Amino acid sequence: MDKTYFLPERLKKELRKVWGIAIFGTKKEVSKKFEEILKKKRFKKVITIGDCCSLSLPSNVKIFDGKIKRRKIKKILPYSLKCKNPKGTIQKEVWKKIKRAIKENKNLFVEGEEDLLVIPSVLLAPKNSLVVYGFPKKGICAIEVNQKIKKKIKNLLKLFK
């Protein structure tokens, strides 16, 4: 985890799969189902990735890039941490920033793209955390962090360049 990872073309399809629990529907339906999950289980941390999730869902840590569907948005959340992460990469420096954001419950603004940061977020989050990311035009995916999913994600990361 002390290096920069590059997404190989052949992995893009794999990453478009649902990882975790799919919560699909209207914005209202998704929010309601999400709140129910939060009430059922007491998560150590809730980490949202992406502007849409971070703006509309409660979380301890928000990781976002100021864009929705690649378009800049007007409302940017407050943040105290910042990093650079070009599209298709997980930069070496990002690991430390995400680790700090999780430890200190801080928001992280990403110059570039945050899509792949689901991977380090799952690997760095404590067990019994929830990592949530948007699934375009459908809703969200919520990954419950446990040893099994960490192993899956670690194996996926090994396929990066």
C-alpha atoms as a PDB file:
ATOM      1  CA  MET A   1       0.000   0.000   0.000  1.00  0.00           C
ATOM      2  CA  ASP A   2       3.021   2.240  -0.116  1.00  0.00           C
ATOM      3  CA  LYS A   3       2.911   2.732  -3.873  1.00  0.00           C
ATOM      4  CA  THR A   4       0.737   4.202  -6.607  1.00  0.00           C
ATOM      5  CA  TYR A   5      -1.695   1.771  -8.226  1.00  0.00           C
ATOM      6  CA  PHE A   6      -2.924   2.027 -11.811  1.00  0.00           C
ATOM      7  CA  LEU A   7      -6.227   0.537 -12.956  1.00  0.00           C
ATOM      8  CA  PRO A   8      -5.719  -1.893 -15.847  1.00  0.00           C
ATOM      9  CA  GLU A   9      -8.337  -1.755 -18.625  1.00  0.00           C
ATOM     10  CA  ARG A  10      -9.386  -5.379 -18.033  1.00  0.00           C
ATOM     11  CA  LEU A  11     -10.475  -4.613 -14.446  1.00  0.00           C
ATOM     12  CA  LYS A  12     -12.935  -1.842 -15.293  1.00  0.00           C
ATOM     13  CA  LYS A  13     -15.827  -4.279 -15.824  1.00  0.00           C
ATOM     14  CA  GLU A  14     -15.103  -6.004 -12.483  1.00  0.00           C
ATOM     15  CA  LEU A  15     -15.228  -2.666 -10.666  1.00  0.00           C
ATOM     16  CA  ARG A  16     -18.656  -1.835 -12.126  1.00  0.00           C
ATOM     17  CA  LYS A  17     -20.151  -4.752 -10.209  1.00  0.00           C
ATOM     18  CA  VAL A  18     -22.086  -4.247  -6.997  1.00  0.00           C
ATOM     19  CA  TRP A  19     -19.733  -4.640  -4.046  1.00  0.00           C
ATOM     20  CA  GLY A  20     -21.663  -5.044  -0.831  1.00  0.00           C
ATOM     21  CA  ILE A  21     -25.364  -4.276  -0.420  1.00  0.00           C
ATOM     22  CA  ALA A  22     -27.166  -2.613  -3.337  1.00  0.00           C
ATOM     23  CA  ILE A  23     -29.668   0.026  -2.285  1.00  0.00           C
ATOM     24  CA  PHE A  24     -31.480   1.109  -5.426  1.00  0.00           C
ATOM     25  CA  GLY A  25     -34.489   3.352  -5.965  1.00  0.00           C
ATOM     26  CA  THR A  26     -35.405   7.023  -5.827  1.00  0.00           C
ATOM     27  CA  LYS A  27     -33.287   9.376  -3.722  1.00  0.00           C
ATOM     28  CA  LYS A  28     -35.968   9.278  -1.014  1.00  0.00           C
ATOM     29  CA  GLU A  29     -36.192   5.452  -1.044  1.00  0.00           C
ATOM     30  CA  VAL A  30     -32.406   5.105  -0.910  1.00  0.00           C
ATOM     31  CA  SER A  31     -32.145   7.528   2.033  1.00  0.00           C
ATOM     32  CA  LYS A  32     -34.896   5.679   3.916  1.00  0.00           C
ATOM     33  CA  LYS A  33     -33.310   2.237   3.381  1.00  0.00           C
ATOM     34  CA  PHE A  34     -29.907   3.648   4.329  1.00  0.00           C
ATOM     35  CA  GLU A  35     -31.286   5.088   7.591  1.00  0.00           C
ATOM     36  CA  GLU A  36     -32.826   1.669   8.376  1.00  0.00           C
ATOM     37  CA  ILE A  37     -29.443  -0.034   7.921  1.00  0.00           C
ATOM     38  CA  LEU A  38     -27.833   2.526  10.236  1.00  0.00           C
ATOM     39  CA  LYS A  39     -30.492   1.918  12.898  1.00  0.00           C
ATOM     40  CA  LYS A  40     -30.168  -1.885  12.681  1.00  0.00           C
ATOM     41  CA  LYS A  41     -26.407  -1.941  13.100  1.00  0.00           C
ATOM     42  CA  ARG A  42     -24.067   0.254  15.053  1.00  0.00           C
ATOM     43  CA  PHE A  43     -21.162   0.904  12.706  1.00  0.00           C
ATOM     44  CA  LYS A  44     -17.836   2.176  14.064  1.00  0.00           C
ATOM     45  CA  LYS A  45     -17.485   4.477  11.058  1.00  0.00           C
ATOM     46  CA  VAL A  46     -19.568   5.390   8.057  1.00  0.00           C
ATOM     47  CA  ILE A  47     -17.515   6.559   5.083  1.00  0.00           C
ATOM     48  CA  THR A  48     -19.180   8.021   1.994  1.00  0.00           C
ATOM     49  CA  ILE A  49     -17.339   8.234  -1.306  1.00  0.00           C
ATOM     50  CA  GLY A  50     -18.506  10.591  -4.015  1.00  0.00           C
ATOM     51  CA  ASP A  51     -20.300  13.906  -3.909  1.00  0.00           C
ATOM     52  CA  CYS A  52     -23.843  12.609  -4.299  1.00  0.00           C
ATOM     53  CA  CYS A  53     -23.489  10.183  -1.351  1.00  0.00           C
ATOM     54  CA  SER A  54     -21.518  12.649   0.740  1.00  0.00           C
ATOM     55  CA  LEU A  55     -24.046  15.445   0.224  1.00  0.00           C
ATOM     56  CA  SER A  56     -27.149  13.374   0.923  1.00  0.00           C
ATOM     57  CA  LEU A  57     -26.164  10.702   3.464  1.00  0.00           C
ATOM     58  CA  PRO A  58     -24.963  10.988   7.072  1.00  0.00           C
ATOM     59  CA  SER A  59     -21.374   9.823   7.567  1.00  0.00           C
ATOM     60  CA  ASN A  60     -18.297  10.288   9.749  1.00  0.00           C
ATOM     61  CA  VAL A  61     -15.963  10.682   6.772  1.00  0.00           C
ATOM     62  CA  LYS A  62     -16.792  12.135   3.356  1.00  0.00           C
ATOM     63  CA  ILE A  63     -14.444  11.661   0.383  1.00  0.00           C
ATOM     64  CA  PHE A  64     -15.403  13.708  -2.674  1.00  0.00           C
ATOM     65  CA  ASP A  65     -14.079  15.608  -5.704  1.00  0.00           C
ATOM     66  CA  GLY A  66     -16.585  18.429  -6.238  1.00  0.00           C
ATOM     67  CA  LYS A  67     -18.102  16.710  -9.276  1.00  0.00           C
ATOM     68  CA  ILE A  68     -21.160  14.580 -10.001  1.00  0.00           C
ATOM     69  CA  LYS A  69     -21.018  12.531 -13.220  1.00  0.00           C
ATOM     70  CA  ARG A  70     -17.790  14.359 -14.122  1.00  0.00           C
ATOM     71  CA  ARG A  71     -19.485  17.788 -13.904  1.00  0.00           C
ATOM     72  CA  LYS A  72     -18.404  20.368 -11.340  1.00  0.00           C
ATOM     73  CA  ILE A  73     -21.051  21.135  -8.742  1.00  0.00           C
ATOM     74  CA  LYS A  74     -21.767  24.417  -6.966  1.00  0.00           C
ATOM     75  CA  LYS A  75     -22.161  23.121  -3.415  1.00  0.00           C
ATOM     76  CA  ILE A  76     -18.932  21.750  -2.023  1.00  0.00           C
ATOM     77  CA  LEU A  77     -18.858  20.276   1.451  1.00  0.00           C
ATOM     78  CA  PRO A  78     -16.464  21.638   4.054  1.00  0.00           C
ATOM     79  CA  TYR A  79     -13.228  19.688   4.279  1.00  0.00           C
ATOM     80  CA  SER A  80      -9.963  19.808   6.190  1.00  0.00           C
ATOM     81  CA  LEU A  81      -7.889  17.334   4.174  1.00  0.00           C
ATOM     82  CA  LYS A  82      -6.962  17.456   0.499  1.00  0.00           C
ATOM     83  CA  CYS A  83      -5.117  15.171  -1.918  1.00  0.00           C
ATOM     84  CA  LYS A  84      -4.466  14.647  -5.621  1.00  0.00           C
ATOM     85  CA  ASN A  85      -5.639  11.504  -7.331  1.00  0.00           C
ATOM     86  CA  PRO A  86      -5.767  11.391 -11.142  1.00  0.00           C
ATOM     87  CA  LYS A  87      -8.420   9.269 -12.862  1.00  0.00           C
ATOM     88  CA  GLY A  88      -7.676   5.537 -12.974  1.00  0.00           C
ATOM     89  CA  THR A  89      -5.166   5.630 -10.103  1.00  0.00           C
ATOM     90  CA  ILE A  90      -4.816   5.252  -6.370  1.00  0.00           C
ATOM     91  CA  GLN A  91      -1.919   7.545  -5.540  1.00  0.00           C
ATOM     92  CA  LYS A  92       0.653   6.584  -2.911  1.00  0.00           C
ATOM     93  CA  GLU A  93      -0.045   9.760  -0.863  1.00  0.00           C
ATOM     94  CA  VAL A  94      -3.799   9.064  -0.785  1.00  0.00           C
ATOM     95  CA  TRP A  95      -3.393   6.110   1.611  1.00  0.00           C
ATOM     96  CA  LYS A  96      -2.023   8.358   4.386  1.00  0.00           C
ATOM     97  CA  LYS A  97      -4.747  10.968   3.823  1.00  0.00           C
ATOM     98  CA  ILE A  98      -7.558   8.413   3.945  1.00  0.00           C
ATOM     99  CA  LYS A  99      -6.059   6.789   7.038  1.00  0.00           C
ATOM    100  CA  ARG A 100      -5.968  10.196   8.751  1.00  0.00           C
ATOM    101  CA  ALA A 101      -9.493  11.101   7.581  1.00  0.00           C
ATOM    102  CA  ILE A 102     -10.839   7.849   9.046  1.00  0.00           C
ATOM    103  CA  LYS A 103      -8.888   8.161  12.294  1.00  0.00           C
ATOM    104  CA  GLU A 104      -9.884  11.805  12.853  1.00  0.00           C
ATOM    105  CA  ASN A 105     -13.387  11.800  11.244  1.00  0.00           C
ATOM    106  CA  LYS A 106     -12.399  14.414   8.660  1.00  0.00           C
ATOM    107  CA  ASN A 107     -13.626  15.141   5.159  1.00  0.00           C
ATOM    108  CA  LEU A 108     -11.209  14.652   2.263  1.00  0.00           C
ATOM    109  CA  PHE A 109     -11.364  16.688  -0.937  1.00  0.00           C
ATOM    110  CA  VAL A 110      -9.806  14.950  -3.932  1.00  0.00           C
ATOM    111  CA  GLU A 111      -8.311  16.914  -6.804  1.00  0.00           C
ATOM    112  CA  GLY A 112      -8.900  14.539  -9.672  1.00  0.00           C
ATOM    113  CA  GLU A 113     -11.172  11.567  -9.110  1.00  0.00           C
ATOM    114  CA  GLU A 114     -12.317   9.678  -6.012  1.00  0.00           C
ATOM    115  CA  ASP A 115     -13.999   6.636  -7.622  1.00  0.00           C
ATOM    116  CA  LEU A 116     -11.222   4.133  -6.889  1.00  0.00           C
ATOM    117  CA  LEU A 117     -10.798   5.366  -3.327  1.00  0.00           C
ATOM    118  CA  VAL A 118     -13.442   2.888  -2.229  1.00  0.00           C
ATOM    119  CA  ILE A 119     -10.581   0.352  -2.287  1.00  0.00           C
ATOM    120  CA  PRO A 120      -8.233   2.039   0.224  1.00  0.00           C
ATOM    121  CA  SER A 121     -11.247   3.127   2.294  1.00  0.00           C
ATOM    122  CA  VAL A 122     -12.361  -0.485   2.774  1.00  0.00           C
ATOM    123  CA  LEU A 123      -8.809  -1.651   3.489  1.00  0.00           C
ATOM    124  CA  LEU A 124      -8.121   1.144   5.991  1.00  0.00           C
ATOM    125  CA  ALA A 125     -11.501   1.280   7.730  1.00  0.00           C
ATOM    126  CA  PRO A 126     -11.871  -0.535  11.039  1.00  0.00           C
ATOM    127  CA  LYS A 127     -13.933  -3.719  10.995  1.00  0.00           C
ATOM    128  CA  ASN A 128     -17.656  -3.075  11.443  1.00  0.00           C
ATOM    129  CA  SER A 129     -17.496   0.133   9.385  1.00  0.00           C
ATOM    130  CA  LEU A 130     -19.657   0.929   6.379  1.00  0.00           C
ATOM    131  CA  VAL A 131     -18.166   2.244   3.127  1.00  0.00           C
ATOM    132  CA  VAL A 132     -20.802   3.729   0.822  1.00  0.00           C
ATOM    133  CA  TYR A 133     -20.464   4.773  -2.803  1.00  0.00           C
ATOM    134  CA  GLY A 134     -22.828   5.804  -5.565  1.00  0.00           C
ATOM    135  CA  PHE A 135     -24.050   3.503  -8.289  1.00  0.00           C
ATOM    136  CA  PRO A 136     -24.918   5.857 -11.195  1.00  0.00           C
ATOM    137  CA  LYS A 137     -28.606   6.192 -12.073  1.00  0.00           C
ATOM    138  CA  LYS A 138     -29.599   3.439  -9.630  1.00  0.00           C
ATOM    139  CA  GLY A 139     -28.671   4.289  -6.045  1.00  0.00           C
ATOM    140  CA  ILE A 140     -25.837   3.317  -3.733  1.00  0.00           C
ATOM    141  CA  CYS A 141     -23.756   0.347  -2.644  1.00  0.00           C
ATOM    142  CA  ALA A 142     -22.869  -0.159   1.013  1.00  0.00           C
ATOM    143  CA  ILE A 143     -19.913  -2.355   1.926  1.00  0.00           C
ATOM    144  CA  GLU A 144     -19.847  -3.727   5.463  1.00  0.00           C
ATOM    145  CA  VAL A 145     -16.180  -3.912   6.387  1.00  0.00           C
ATOM    146  CA  ASN A 146     -15.092  -7.298   7.705  1.00  0.00           C
ATOM    147  CA  GLN A 147     -12.138  -9.651   7.216  1.00  0.00           C
ATOM    148  CA  LYS A 148     -13.750 -11.409   4.244  1.00  0.00           C
ATOM    149  CA  ILE A 149     -14.351  -8.233   2.198  1.00  0.00           C
ATOM    150  CA  LYS A 150     -10.919  -6.861   3.110  1.00  0.00           C
ATOM    151  CA  LYS A 151      -9.370 -10.045   1.691  1.00  0.00           C
ATOM    152  CA  LYS A 152     -11.449  -9.765  -1.520  1.00  0.00           C
ATOM    153  CA  ILE A 153     -10.476  -6.120  -1.984  1.00  0.00           C
ATOM    154  CA  LYS A 154      -6.805  -6.879  -1.241  1.00  0.00           C
ATOM    155  CA  ASN A 155      -6.860  -9.577  -3.924  1.00  0.00           C
ATOM    156  CA  LEU A 156      -8.473  -7.142  -6.354  1.00  0.00           C
ATOM    157  CA  LEU A 157      -5.776  -4.565  -5.616  1.00  0.00           C
ATOM    158  CA  LYS A 158      -3.099  -7.143  -6.487  1.00  0.00           C
ATOM    159  CA  LEU A 159      -4.451  -7.103 -10.060  1.00  0.00           C
ATOM    160  CA  PHE A 160      -3.653  -3.385 -10.431  1.00  0.00           C
ATOM    161  CA  LYS A 161      -0.397  -2.299 -12.098  1.00  0.00           C
END
